[in-house]
N, C-alpha and C. Protein backbone atom coordinates (compact mmCIF):
# COMPACT_ATOMS: atom_id res chain seq x y z
N MET A 1 -43.39 -64.99 56.70
CA MET A 1 -43.77 -66.38 57.37
C MET A 1 -44.39 -66.89 55.75
N SER A 2 -43.83 -68.06 55.26
CA SER A 2 -44.32 -68.52 53.93
C SER A 2 -45.28 -69.55 54.46
N GLU A 3 -46.61 -69.56 53.82
CA GLU A 3 -47.61 -70.19 54.09
C GLU A 3 -48.16 -71.32 52.85
N LEU A 4 -48.74 -72.41 53.49
CA LEU A 4 -49.30 -73.32 52.36
C LEU A 4 -50.84 -73.47 52.74
N CYS A 5 -51.54 -73.97 51.78
CA CYS A 5 -52.83 -74.42 52.02
C CYS A 5 -53.02 -75.93 51.71
N LEU A 6 -53.24 -76.61 52.70
CA LEU A 6 -53.55 -77.95 52.62
C LEU A 6 -54.79 -78.53 52.52
N THR A 7 -55.32 -79.02 51.30
CA THR A 7 -56.60 -79.24 51.10
C THR A 7 -56.74 -80.77 51.02
N LEU A 8 -57.54 -81.31 51.99
CA LEU A 8 -57.98 -82.67 52.21
C LEU A 8 -59.35 -83.04 51.74
N LEU A 9 -59.53 -84.14 51.15
CA LEU A 9 -60.87 -84.50 50.59
C LEU A 9 -61.12 -85.85 51.17
N CYS A 10 -62.14 -85.85 52.20
CA CYS A 10 -62.30 -87.23 52.71
C CYS A 10 -63.80 -87.66 52.63
N PRO A 11 -64.11 -88.80 52.65
CA PRO A 11 -65.59 -89.32 52.87
C PRO A 11 -66.23 -88.82 54.03
N PRO A 12 -67.55 -88.56 53.92
CA PRO A 12 -68.24 -87.90 55.11
C PRO A 12 -67.96 -88.60 56.24
N ALA A 13 -67.93 -89.93 56.32
CA ALA A 13 -67.86 -90.82 57.57
C ALA A 13 -66.55 -90.68 58.14
N LEU A 14 -65.52 -90.22 57.57
CA LEU A 14 -64.18 -89.72 58.53
C LEU A 14 -64.15 -88.37 58.77
N GLU A 15 -65.15 -87.64 58.26
CA GLU A 15 -65.11 -85.97 58.79
C GLU A 15 -64.68 -85.72 60.28
N GLU A 16 -65.46 -86.40 61.15
CA GLU A 16 -65.27 -85.98 62.38
C GLU A 16 -63.80 -86.58 63.11
N GLN A 17 -63.40 -87.66 62.42
CA GLN A 17 -62.08 -88.03 63.08
C GLN A 17 -61.00 -87.14 62.46
N LEU A 18 -61.21 -86.88 61.35
CA LEU A 18 -60.10 -85.85 60.61
C LEU A 18 -60.23 -84.40 61.43
N LEU A 19 -61.44 -83.91 61.61
CA LEU A 19 -61.33 -82.68 62.30
C LEU A 19 -60.92 -82.86 63.74
N ASP A 20 -61.13 -83.78 64.38
CA ASP A 20 -60.52 -84.25 65.61
C ASP A 20 -58.95 -84.03 65.88
N LEU A 21 -58.39 -84.67 64.67
CA LEU A 21 -57.04 -84.83 64.67
C LEU A 21 -56.43 -83.43 64.34
N LEU A 22 -57.08 -82.59 63.50
CA LEU A 22 -56.70 -81.37 63.24
C LEU A 22 -56.72 -80.41 64.51
N LEU A 23 -57.86 -80.41 65.36
CA LEU A 23 -57.95 -79.79 66.71
C LEU A 23 -56.90 -80.13 67.45
N MET A 24 -56.24 -81.17 67.44
CA MET A 24 -55.25 -81.72 68.33
C MET A 24 -53.95 -81.12 67.70
N LEU A 25 -53.62 -81.10 66.62
CA LEU A 25 -52.25 -80.43 66.10
C LEU A 25 -52.11 -78.86 66.34
N SER A 26 -51.09 -78.70 67.07
CA SER A 26 -50.84 -77.18 67.20
C SER A 26 -50.35 -76.51 65.88
N GLU A 27 -50.06 -77.24 64.97
CA GLU A 27 -49.86 -76.60 63.85
C GLU A 27 -50.93 -76.12 62.93
N ALA A 28 -52.10 -76.67 63.02
CA ALA A 28 -52.94 -76.46 62.31
C ALA A 28 -53.88 -75.30 63.15
N THR A 29 -53.69 -74.36 63.19
CA THR A 29 -54.53 -73.17 63.78
C THR A 29 -55.62 -72.78 63.35
N VAL A 30 -55.63 -72.63 61.84
CA VAL A 30 -56.78 -72.29 61.21
C VAL A 30 -57.04 -73.16 60.25
N PHE A 31 -58.32 -73.60 60.17
CA PHE A 31 -58.82 -74.68 59.08
C PHE A 31 -60.40 -74.50 58.83
N THR A 32 -60.79 -74.89 57.68
CA THR A 32 -62.28 -74.84 57.33
C THR A 32 -62.61 -76.01 56.92
N SER A 33 -64.13 -76.47 56.84
CA SER A 33 -64.32 -77.72 56.31
C SER A 33 -65.79 -77.42 55.67
N ALA A 34 -66.36 -78.27 54.63
CA ALA A 34 -67.48 -77.87 53.97
C ALA A 34 -67.74 -79.38 53.21
N PRO A 35 -69.05 -79.69 52.89
CA PRO A 35 -69.49 -80.61 52.20
C PRO A 35 -69.14 -80.31 50.53
N VAL A 36 -68.89 -81.04 49.95
CA VAL A 36 -68.47 -81.08 48.47
C VAL A 36 -68.81 -82.20 47.66
N ALA A 37 -69.00 -82.18 46.40
CA ALA A 37 -69.14 -83.16 45.34
C ALA A 37 -67.87 -83.50 44.81
N ALA A 38 -67.36 -84.82 44.82
CA ALA A 38 -66.39 -85.07 44.67
C ALA A 38 -66.51 -85.87 43.05
N HIS A 39 -65.66 -85.51 42.04
CA HIS A 39 -65.87 -85.99 40.57
C HIS A 39 -64.47 -86.80 40.44
N GLY A 40 -64.87 -88.05 39.83
CA GLY A 40 -63.49 -88.48 39.37
C GLY A 40 -62.87 -89.24 40.28
N LEU A 41 -63.63 -89.76 41.36
CA LEU A 41 -63.14 -90.69 42.46
C LEU A 41 -64.24 -90.98 43.24
N ALA A 42 -63.93 -92.14 43.90
CA ALA A 42 -65.25 -92.64 44.79
C ALA A 42 -64.25 -93.12 46.12
N PHE A 43 -65.06 -93.10 47.25
CA PHE A 43 -64.64 -93.54 48.50
C PHE A 43 -65.62 -95.09 48.67
N GLY A 44 -64.98 -96.00 47.85
CA GLY A 44 -65.80 -97.15 48.02
C GLY A 44 -66.97 -97.30 47.00
N ARG A 45 -67.98 -97.87 47.24
CA ARG A 45 -69.24 -97.94 46.28
C ARG A 45 -70.22 -96.69 46.39
N LEU A 46 -70.36 -96.41 45.19
CA LEU A 46 -71.17 -95.09 44.89
C LEU A 46 -72.68 -95.86 45.23
N ASN A 47 -73.50 -94.94 46.04
CA ASN A 47 -74.89 -95.32 45.99
C ASN A 47 -75.64 -95.14 44.59
N ALA A 48 -76.96 -95.45 44.48
CA ALA A 48 -77.44 -95.48 43.25
C ALA A 48 -77.33 -93.85 42.75
N SER A 49 -77.89 -93.07 43.91
CA SER A 49 -78.16 -91.55 43.55
C SER A 49 -76.52 -91.02 43.04
N GLU A 50 -75.41 -91.39 43.71
CA GLU A 50 -74.44 -90.94 43.17
C GLU A 50 -73.87 -91.46 41.92
N GLN A 51 -74.19 -92.58 41.68
CA GLN A 51 -73.89 -93.23 40.34
C GLN A 51 -74.72 -92.51 39.18
N VAL A 52 -75.77 -92.29 39.29
CA VAL A 52 -76.77 -91.42 38.54
C VAL A 52 -76.11 -90.11 38.20
N LEU A 53 -75.72 -89.22 39.28
CA LEU A 53 -75.25 -88.00 39.40
C LEU A 53 -73.67 -88.08 38.97
N GLY A 54 -73.01 -88.96 39.00
CA GLY A 54 -71.53 -89.15 38.72
C GLY A 54 -70.69 -88.38 39.71
N ARG A 55 -71.06 -88.42 40.89
CA ARG A 55 -70.38 -87.80 41.81
C ARG A 55 -70.49 -88.25 43.15
N ALA A 56 -69.53 -88.19 44.07
CA ALA A 56 -69.55 -88.98 45.56
C ALA A 56 -69.75 -87.56 46.61
N LEU A 57 -70.35 -87.74 47.61
CA LEU A 57 -70.27 -86.84 48.67
C LEU A 57 -69.22 -86.84 49.31
N ALA A 58 -68.47 -85.78 49.57
CA ALA A 58 -67.19 -85.56 50.50
C ALA A 58 -67.08 -84.41 51.33
N THR A 59 -66.20 -84.55 52.24
CA THR A 59 -66.15 -83.23 52.97
C THR A 59 -64.56 -82.69 52.68
N GLN A 60 -64.44 -81.36 52.34
CA GLN A 60 -63.27 -80.65 51.92
C GLN A 60 -62.86 -80.14 53.24
N VAL A 61 -61.56 -80.03 53.58
CA VAL A 61 -60.90 -79.49 54.69
C VAL A 61 -59.85 -78.80 54.15
N GLN A 62 -59.71 -77.29 54.62
CA GLN A 62 -58.77 -76.48 54.01
C GLN A 62 -57.87 -76.15 55.45
N VAL A 63 -56.52 -76.36 55.53
CA VAL A 63 -55.69 -75.75 56.51
C VAL A 63 -54.62 -74.90 56.12
N LEU A 64 -54.58 -73.90 56.77
CA LEU A 64 -53.45 -72.91 56.62
C LEU A 64 -52.43 -73.38 57.50
N LEU A 65 -51.07 -73.50 56.99
CA LEU A 65 -49.99 -73.97 57.63
C LEU A 65 -48.55 -73.39 57.20
N ALA A 66 -47.63 -73.32 57.94
CA ALA A 66 -46.32 -72.94 57.61
C ALA A 66 -45.96 -73.97 56.99
N VAL A 67 -44.72 -73.56 56.05
CA VAL A 67 -44.18 -74.55 55.17
C VAL A 67 -43.42 -75.40 56.05
N ALA A 68 -42.62 -74.84 57.31
CA ALA A 68 -42.02 -75.81 58.09
C ALA A 68 -42.69 -76.60 58.99
N ASP A 69 -44.18 -76.59 59.00
CA ASP A 69 -44.87 -77.73 59.54
C ASP A 69 -45.75 -78.56 58.76
N LYS A 70 -45.25 -78.46 57.34
CA LYS A 70 -45.94 -79.33 56.32
C LYS A 70 -45.65 -80.79 56.62
N ALA A 71 -44.51 -81.24 56.97
CA ALA A 71 -44.03 -82.67 57.09
C ALA A 71 -44.86 -83.29 58.29
N ALA A 72 -44.84 -82.42 59.54
CA ALA A 72 -45.52 -82.78 60.70
C ALA A 72 -46.97 -83.18 60.64
N VAL A 73 -47.52 -82.35 59.91
CA VAL A 73 -49.03 -82.14 59.68
C VAL A 73 -49.45 -83.53 58.48
N LEU A 74 -48.63 -83.50 57.58
CA LEU A 74 -48.91 -84.62 56.60
C LEU A 74 -48.59 -85.91 57.43
N GLN A 75 -47.73 -86.14 57.99
CA GLN A 75 -47.39 -87.37 58.66
C GLN A 75 -48.36 -87.80 59.86
N ALA A 76 -49.01 -87.08 60.45
CA ALA A 76 -50.15 -87.11 61.42
C ALA A 76 -51.22 -87.60 60.60
N VAL A 77 -51.61 -86.90 59.42
CA VAL A 77 -52.58 -87.41 58.63
C VAL A 77 -52.67 -88.55 58.11
N GLN A 78 -51.34 -89.06 57.37
CA GLN A 78 -51.12 -90.11 56.83
C GLN A 78 -50.82 -91.56 58.00
N THR A 79 -50.53 -91.19 59.16
CA THR A 79 -50.47 -92.30 60.10
C THR A 79 -52.02 -92.57 60.42
N GLN A 80 -52.78 -91.72 60.81
CA GLN A 80 -54.15 -92.11 61.29
C GLN A 80 -55.10 -92.43 60.18
N PHE A 81 -54.77 -92.02 58.79
CA PHE A 81 -55.55 -92.35 57.67
C PHE A 81 -55.25 -93.23 56.73
N ALA A 82 -54.21 -93.92 57.09
CA ALA A 82 -53.38 -94.96 56.03
C ALA A 82 -54.70 -95.88 55.56
N GLY A 83 -54.62 -96.10 54.16
CA GLY A 83 -55.58 -97.09 53.71
C GLY A 83 -57.06 -96.60 53.60
N THR A 84 -57.37 -95.54 53.85
CA THR A 84 -58.71 -94.93 53.67
C THR A 84 -59.07 -94.26 52.25
N GLY A 85 -58.01 -94.09 51.64
CA GLY A 85 -58.30 -93.19 50.36
C GLY A 85 -58.52 -91.88 50.29
N LEU A 86 -58.25 -91.22 51.59
CA LEU A 86 -58.17 -90.12 51.73
C LEU A 86 -57.17 -88.94 50.75
N ARG A 87 -57.68 -88.00 50.16
CA ARG A 87 -56.88 -87.29 48.98
C ARG A 87 -56.40 -85.98 49.52
N TYR A 88 -55.19 -85.61 49.16
CA TYR A 88 -54.75 -84.09 49.65
C TYR A 88 -54.12 -83.57 48.31
N TRP A 89 -53.99 -82.07 48.46
CA TRP A 89 -53.13 -81.39 47.67
C TRP A 89 -52.63 -80.32 48.49
N LEU A 90 -51.44 -79.57 48.06
CA LEU A 90 -51.01 -78.47 48.56
C LEU A 90 -50.86 -77.31 47.65
N THR A 91 -51.31 -76.15 48.08
CA THR A 91 -50.91 -74.89 47.47
C THR A 91 -50.49 -73.86 48.00
N PRO A 92 -49.63 -73.02 47.27
CA PRO A 92 -48.80 -71.86 48.05
C PRO A 92 -50.05 -70.77 48.43
N VAL A 93 -49.96 -70.16 49.67
CA VAL A 93 -50.78 -68.91 49.85
C VAL A 93 -50.10 -67.69 49.60
N ALA A 94 -50.36 -66.81 48.62
CA ALA A 94 -49.95 -65.65 48.20
C ALA A 94 -49.99 -64.73 49.45
N GLU A 95 -50.98 -64.66 49.89
CA GLU A 95 -51.08 -63.53 51.20
C GLU A 95 -52.17 -64.06 52.13
N ALA A 96 -51.96 -63.81 53.42
CA ALA A 96 -53.15 -64.13 54.18
C ALA A 96 -53.10 -63.22 55.37
N GLY A 97 -54.05 -62.79 56.17
CA GLY A 97 -54.05 -62.02 57.26
C GLY A 97 -55.61 -62.00 57.85
N ALA A 98 -55.64 -60.95 58.77
CA ALA A 98 -57.06 -60.81 59.30
C ALA A 98 -57.29 -59.37 59.07
N ILE A 99 -58.57 -59.14 58.77
CA ILE A 99 -59.18 -57.72 58.62
C ILE A 99 -59.48 -57.51 60.01
N VAL A 100 -58.83 -56.26 60.63
CA VAL A 100 -59.12 -55.70 61.92
C VAL A 100 -59.51 -54.22 61.89
């Protein structure tokens, strides 16, 4: 099965809403989330500290999914997060599995 890694970058205020959506999607069986520093974009106004540092706080979510499920997952995310500035990109997964 051919797999993709969908990376989503969202403002921390949307993190729980995004994770809740992914938990509801049967296509998103494995995903991770982590706080990151986002450079080159801002989710609204940067606070004084972010302006000085040149980066915004964000949450990065990575979802493993089958190529066949890409459209359904992206549609669900785009529907729920329209107008929020949430960013995403897709990369192919060369290999994935479990170490047992």
